[in-house]
C-alpha atoms as a PDB file:
ATOM      1  CA  MET A   1      44.888  14.749  17.337  1.00  0.00           C
ATOM      2  CA  THR A   2      44.931  14.387  13.562  1.00  0.00           C
ATOM      3  CA  ILE A   3      47.488  12.061  12.039  1.00  0.00           C
ATOM      4  CA  HIS A   4      48.889  13.180   8.706  1.00  0.00           C
ATOM      5  CA  VAL A   5      50.322  10.519   6.425  1.00  0.00           C
ATOM      6  CA  THR A   6      53.271  11.675   4.339  1.00  0.00           C
ATOM      7  CA  PRO A   7      52.714  10.950   0.654  1.00  0.00           C
ATOM      8  CA  GLN A   8      55.288   8.826  -1.156  1.00  0.00           C
ATOM      9  CA  PRO A   9      57.223   9.235  -3.353  1.00  0.00           C
ATOM     10  CA  ALA A  10      58.394  12.535  -1.959  1.00  0.00           C
ATOM     11  CA  ASP A  11      58.892  14.413  -5.193  1.00  0.00           C
ATOM     12  CA  VAL A  12      56.641  17.241  -6.271  1.00  0.00           C
ATOM     13  CA  ILE A  13      54.819  15.122  -8.879  1.00  0.00           C
ATOM     14  CA  GLY A  14      54.090  12.417  -6.305  1.00  0.00           C
ATOM     15  CA  VAL A  15      52.880  15.015  -3.818  1.00  0.00           C
ATOM     16  CA  LEU A  16      50.518  16.606  -6.347  1.00  0.00           C
ATOM     17  CA  LEU A  17      49.150  13.224  -7.437  1.00  0.00           C
ATOM     18  CA  GLN A  18      48.670  12.145  -3.806  1.00  0.00           C
ATOM     19  CA  ASN A  19      46.852  15.388  -3.003  1.00  0.00           C
ATOM     20  CA  ARG A  20      44.531  14.896  -5.980  1.00  0.00           C
ATOM     21  CA  ALA A  21      43.836  11.272  -5.047  1.00  0.00           C
ATOM     22  CA  SER A  22      43.074  12.242  -1.456  1.00  0.00           C
ATOM     23  CA  VAL A  23      40.565  14.937  -2.443  1.00  0.00           C
ATOM     24  CA  ASN A  24      38.957  12.650  -5.035  1.00  0.00           C
ATOM     25  CA  ARG A  25      38.529   9.858  -2.434  1.00  0.00           C
ATOM     26  CA  LEU A  26      36.831  12.295  -0.073  1.00  0.00           C
ATOM     27  CA  LEU A  27      34.497  13.558  -2.802  1.00  0.00           C
ATOM     28  CA  ASP A  28      33.672   9.961  -3.803  1.00  0.00           C
ATOM     29  CA  ALA A  29      32.883   9.160  -0.161  1.00  0.00           C
ATOM     30  CA  TYR A  30      30.567  12.182  -0.008  1.00  0.00           C
ATOM     31  CA  ALA A  31      28.795  11.067  -3.190  1.00  0.00           C
ATOM     32  CA  ALA A  32      28.358   7.576  -1.733  1.00  0.00           C
ATOM     33  CA  LEU A  33      26.782   9.051   1.403  1.00  0.00           C
ATOM     34  CA  CYS A  34      24.329  10.988  -0.785  1.00  0.00           C
ATOM     35  CA  GLU A  35      23.171   7.652  -2.209  1.00  0.00           C
ATOM     36  CA  ARG A  36      22.606   6.126   1.233  1.00  0.00           C
ATOM     37  CA  SER A  37      19.348   6.402   3.070  1.00  0.00           C
ATOM     38  CA  GLY A  38      19.209   7.462   6.677  1.00  0.00           C
ATOM     39  CA  ASP A  39      20.885  10.221   8.627  1.00  0.00           C
ATOM     40  CA  THR A  40      24.316  10.828   7.132  1.00  0.00           C
ATOM     41  CA  ALA A  41      24.603  14.514   8.039  1.00  0.00           C
ATOM     42  CA  ASN A  42      27.393  14.033  10.600  1.00  0.00           C
ATOM     43  CA  GLU A  43      29.436  11.860   8.234  1.00  0.00           C
ATOM     44  CA  LYS A  44      28.925  14.374   5.421  1.00  0.00           C
ATOM     45  CA  LEU A  45      29.958  17.229   7.688  1.00  0.00           C
ATOM     46  CA  ALA A  46      33.159  15.385   8.628  1.00  0.00           C
ATOM     47  CA  ILE A  47      33.976  14.886   4.935  1.00  0.00           C
ATOM     48  CA  VAL A  48      33.195  18.510   4.053  1.00  0.00           C
ATOM     49  CA  GLU A  49      35.441  19.696   6.871  1.00  0.00           C
ATOM     50  CA  ARG A  50      38.239  17.378   5.736  1.00  0.00           C
ATOM     51  CA  VAL A  51      37.900  18.429   2.077  1.00  0.00           C
ATOM     52  CA  SER A  52      38.009  22.079   3.135  1.00  0.00           C
ATOM     53  CA  LEU A  53      41.108  21.501   5.249  1.00  0.00           C
ATOM     54  CA  GLU A  54      42.924  19.447   2.597  1.00  0.00           C
ATOM     55  CA  VAL A  55      42.157  21.894  -0.208  1.00  0.00           C
ATOM     56  CA  THR A  56      43.084  24.890   1.961  1.00  0.00           C
ATOM     57  CA  LEU A  57      46.416  23.473   3.078  1.00  0.00           C
ATOM     58  CA  ASP A  58      47.318  22.034  -0.328  1.00  0.00           C
ATOM     59  CA  SER A  59      46.488  25.343  -2.024  1.00  0.00           C
ATOM     60  CA  GLN A  60      48.436  27.376   0.514  1.00  0.00           C
ATOM     61  CA  VAL A  61      51.517  25.149   0.197  1.00  0.00           C
ATOM     62  CA  GLU A  62      51.341  25.220  -3.596  1.00  0.00           C
ATOM     63  CA  GLU A  63      51.036  29.002  -3.635  1.00  0.00           C
ATOM     64  CA  GLU A  64      53.919  29.461  -1.191  1.00  0.00           C
ATOM     65  CA  LEU A  65      56.365  26.933  -2.663  1.00  0.00           C
ATOM     66  CA  LEU A  66      55.268  25.526  -6.012  1.00  0.00           C
ATOM     67  CA  PHE A  67      54.109  28.715  -7.724  1.00  0.00           C
ATOM     68  CA  PRO A  68      57.425  30.546  -7.285  1.00  0.00           C
ATOM     69  CA  ALA A  69      59.339  27.503  -8.592  1.00  0.00           C
ATOM     70  CA  LEU A  70      57.042  27.201 -11.618  1.00  0.00           C
ATOM     71  CA  HIS A  71      57.338  30.923 -12.275  1.00  0.00           C
ATOM     72  CA  LEU A  72      61.147  30.825 -12.147  1.00  0.00           C
ATOM     73  CA  ALA A  73      61.155  27.803 -14.480  1.00  0.00           C
ATOM     74  CA  GLY A  74      58.992  29.709 -16.989  1.00  0.00           C
ATOM     75  CA  ILE A  75      55.971  27.415 -16.584  1.00  0.00           C
ATOM     76  CA  ASP A  76      52.618  29.132 -17.100  1.00  0.00           C
ATOM     77  CA  LEU A  77      50.787  29.567 -13.798  1.00  0.00           C
ATOM     78  CA  LYS A  78      47.386  30.347 -15.307  1.00  0.00           C
ATOM     79  CA  PRO A  79      46.102  26.730 -15.166  1.00  0.00           C
ATOM     80  CA  PHE A  80      47.069  26.456 -11.490  1.00  0.00           C
ATOM     81  CA  GLN A  81      45.632  29.880 -10.711  1.00  0.00           C
ATOM     82  CA  GLY A  82      42.293  28.906 -12.296  1.00  0.00           C
ATOM     83  CA  PHE A  83      42.302  25.717 -10.264  1.00  0.00           C
ATOM     84  CA  HIS A  84      43.101  27.618  -7.077  1.00  0.00           C
ATOM     85  CA  ASP A  85      40.344  30.148  -7.762  1.00  0.00           C
ATOM     86  CA  THR A  86      37.953  27.181  -7.983  1.00  0.00           C
ATOM     87  CA  ALA A  87      39.418  25.677  -4.819  1.00  0.00           C
ATOM     88  CA  TRP A  88      39.009  28.876  -2.799  1.00  0.00           C
ATOM     89  CA  ALA A  89      35.442  29.250  -4.141  1.00  0.00           C
ATOM     90  CA  LEU A  90      34.695  25.657  -3.099  1.00  0.00           C
ATOM     91  CA  ILE A  91      35.923  26.331   0.418  1.00  0.00           C
ATOM     92  CA  ALA A  92      33.784  29.469   0.666  1.00  0.00           C
ATOM     93  CA  GLN A  93      30.708  27.633  -0.639  1.00  0.00           C
ATOM     94  CA  LEU A  94      31.192  24.713   1.736  1.00  0.00           C
ATOM     95  CA  ALA A  95      30.994  27.129   4.653  1.00  0.00           C
ATOM     96  CA  ILE A  96      27.418  27.973   3.614  1.00  0.00           C
ATOM     97  CA  GLY A  97      24.596  25.529   4.258  1.00  0.00           C
ATOM     98  CA  GLU A  98      24.246  22.237   6.065  1.00  0.00           C
ATOM     99  CA  PRO A  99      25.011  18.686   4.948  1.00  0.00           C
ATOM    100  CA  GLY A 100      21.825  16.775   4.308  1.00  0.00           C
ATOM    101  CA  GLU A 101      20.055  19.651   2.603  1.00  0.00           C
ATOM    102  CA  VAL A 102      19.361  18.693  -1.019  1.00  0.00           C
ATOM    103  CA  LYS A 103      20.749  21.971  -2.355  1.00  0.00           C
ATOM    104  CA  PHE A 104      23.882  21.647  -0.231  1.00  0.00           C
ATOM    105  CA  ASP A 105      24.525  18.084  -1.376  1.00  0.00           C
ATOM    106  CA  SER A 106      24.148  19.025  -5.030  1.00  0.00           C
ATOM    107  CA  LYS A 107      26.383  22.089  -4.498  1.00  0.00           C
ATOM    108  CA  VAL A 108      29.132  19.972  -2.903  1.00  0.00           C
ATOM    109  CA  LEU A 109      28.919  17.364  -5.665  1.00  0.00           C
ATOM    110  CA  SER A 110      28.850  19.952  -8.458  1.00  0.00           C
ATOM    111  CA  LEU A 111      31.707  22.014  -7.036  1.00  0.00           C
ATOM    112  CA  GLY A 112      33.617  18.816  -6.288  1.00  0.00           C
ATOM    113  CA  ARG A 113      33.279  17.640  -9.901  1.00  0.00           C
ATOM    114  CA  ASP A 114      34.424  21.058 -11.128  1.00  0.00           C
ATOM    115  CA  LEU A 115      37.388  20.985  -8.753  1.00  0.00           C
ATOM    116  CA  ALA A 116      38.354  17.451  -9.843  1.00  0.00           C
ATOM    117  CA  ARG A 117      38.042  18.416 -13.525  1.00  0.00           C
ATOM    118  CA  ARG A 118      40.224  21.510 -13.075  1.00  0.00           C
ATOM    119  CA  MET A 119      42.746  19.525 -11.050  1.00  0.00           C
ATOM    120  CA  GLN A 120      42.970  16.927 -13.832  1.00  0.00           C
ATOM    121  CA  GLN A 121      43.442  19.660 -16.453  1.00  0.00           C
ATOM    122  CA  VAL A 122      46.250  21.254 -14.455  1.00  0.00           C
ATOM    123  CA  HIS A 123      47.959  17.920 -14.028  1.00  0.00           C
ATOM    124  CA  ASP A 124      47.579  17.065 -17.725  1.00  0.00           C
ATOM    125  CA  VAL A 125      49.169  20.393 -18.729  1.00  0.00           C
ATOM    126  CA  THR A 126      51.689  21.067 -15.964  1.00  0.00           C
ATOM    127  CA  LEU A 127      53.007  17.729 -14.691  1.00  0.00           C
ATOM    128  CA  PRO A 128      54.561  16.718 -18.042  1.00  0.00           C
ATOM    129  CA  GLN A 129      56.557  19.986 -17.992  1.00  0.00           C
ATOM    130  CA  LEU A 130      58.146  19.382 -14.600  1.00  0.00           C
ATOM    131  CA  PRO A 131      60.809  16.747 -15.359  1.00  0.00           C
ATOM    132  CA  GLY A 132      62.610  18.962 -17.882  1.00  0.00           C
ATOM    133  CA  SER A 133      62.044  22.225 -16.013  1.00  0.00           C
ATOM    134  CA  GLY A 134      65.270  22.347 -14.025  1.00  0.00           C
ATOM    135  CA  ILE A 135      63.296  22.310 -10.768  1.00  0.00           C
ATOM    136  CA  ASP A 136      64.733  19.996  -8.091  1.00  0.00           C
ATOM    137  CA  LEU A 137      61.547  17.929  -7.873  1.00  0.00           C
ATOM    138  CA  ALA A 138      62.636  15.836  -4.881  1.00  0.00           C
ATOM    139  CA  THR A 139      63.669  18.818  -2.762  1.00  0.00           C
ATOM    140  CA  LEU A 140      60.561  20.811  -3.664  1.00  0.00           C
ATOM    141  CA  GLY A 141      58.325  17.827  -2.945  1.00  0.00           C
ATOM    142  CA  GLN A 142      59.908  17.329   0.474  1.00  0.00           C
ATOM    143  CA  ARG A 143      59.603  21.040   1.255  1.00  0.00           C
ATOM    144  CA  MET A 144      55.899  20.865   0.336  1.00  0.00           C
ATOM    145  CA  ILE A 145      55.367  17.841   2.588  1.00  0.00           C
ATOM    146  CA  ASP A 146      57.229  19.499   5.469  1.00  0.00           C
ATOM    147  CA  ARG A 147      55.251  22.739   5.101  1.00  0.00           C
ATOM    148  CA  LYS A 148      51.916  20.925   5.002  1.00  0.00           C
ATOM    149  CA  ASP A 149      52.918  18.910   8.083  1.00  0.00           C
ATOM    150  CA  ARG A 150      53.777  22.148   9.945  1.00  0.00           C
ATOM    151  CA  LEU A 151      50.481  23.719   8.903  1.00  0.00           C
ATOM    152  CA  MET A 152      48.571  20.590   9.957  1.00  0.00           C
ATOM    153  CA  GLU A 153      50.337  20.601  13.342  1.00  0.00           C
ATOM    154  CA  ALA A 154      49.512  24.286  13.798  1.00  0.00           C
ATOM    155  CA  PHE A 155      45.918  23.608  12.820  1.00  0.00           C
ATOM    156  CA  ASP A 156      45.656  20.771  15.366  1.00  0.00           C
ATOM    157  CA  ARG A 157      47.186  22.839  18.190  1.00  0.00           C
ATOM    158  CA  PRO A 158      44.828  24.573  20.645  1.00  0.00           C
ATOM    159  CA  ALA A 159      44.469  28.298  19.958  1.00  0.00           C
ATOM    160  CA  GLU A 160      46.272  29.327  23.137  1.00  0.00           C
ATOM    161  CA  GLU A 161      49.405  27.468  21.950  1.00  0.00           C
ATOM    162  CA  GLU A 162      49.462  28.913  18.411  1.00  0.00           C
ATOM    163  CA  ASP A 163      52.455  30.800  17.164  1.00  0.00           C
ATOM    164  CA  GLU A 164      51.478  33.712  14.911  1.00  0.00           C
ATOM    165  CA  ASP A 165      54.173  32.642  12.422  1.00  0.00           C
ATOM    166  CA  ASP A 166      52.425  29.279  11.831  1.00  0.00           C
ATOM    167  CA  ASP A 167      49.574  30.799   9.773  1.00  0.00           C
ATOM    168  CA  PRO A 168      47.601  27.519   9.516  1.00  0.00           C
ATOM    169  CA  VAL A 169      45.021  29.013   7.207  1.00  0.00           C
ATOM    170  CA  GLY A 170      46.724  31.873   5.474  1.00  0.00           C
ATOM    171  CA  ARG A 171      45.502  34.060   2.707  1.00  0.00           C
ATOM    172  CA  PRO A 172      46.042  33.028  -0.873  1.00  0.00           C
ATOM    173  CA  VAL A 173      49.248  34.476  -2.255  1.00  0.00           C
ATOM    174  CA  SER A 174      48.734  33.581  -5.915  1.00  0.00           C
ATOM    175  CA  GLY A 175      48.047  37.211  -6.821  1.00  0.00           C
ATOM    176  CA  LEU A 176      51.655  38.067  -5.996  1.00  0.00           C
ATOM    177  CA  LEU A 177      52.936  36.324  -9.114  1.00  0.00           C
ATOM    178  CA  HIS A 178      50.668  37.831 -11.760  1.00  0.00           C
END
């Protein structure tokens, strides 16, 4: 069973910063494994799977809850949509290849750097706009945490127990707001 730690503080800015820090730590751990000698394929695979899960769930929650709030507040979604396009591409690319292959390692590191760069750009542009946006940051942050927790629980549940309404790995909905 996976244990999910709730990020603090529970406002939307804290949630977004915690998500970014979590993904960056995982990518740093992957890079460190690439520097190590010996068989690190299983450790790399575990990190790739965790990065894929974190990015998938974070992106889904942002698209379901954050995007509509940003849209209603008149905040430009294009930076987030570019970031999410990169995130979904990363997830697709991580499904191809095997950890330990030189090309795979360089692909993970390159895509990871691109993802981190785009995430930083989004945060530099969007986060400063949130305090004056009229969005209830605390409520939205808590809703995002709760939704991610529900998705994580659904993901951890055996398939025979899944409820079709859980949608642990749903389709991106960002195109609905264009």
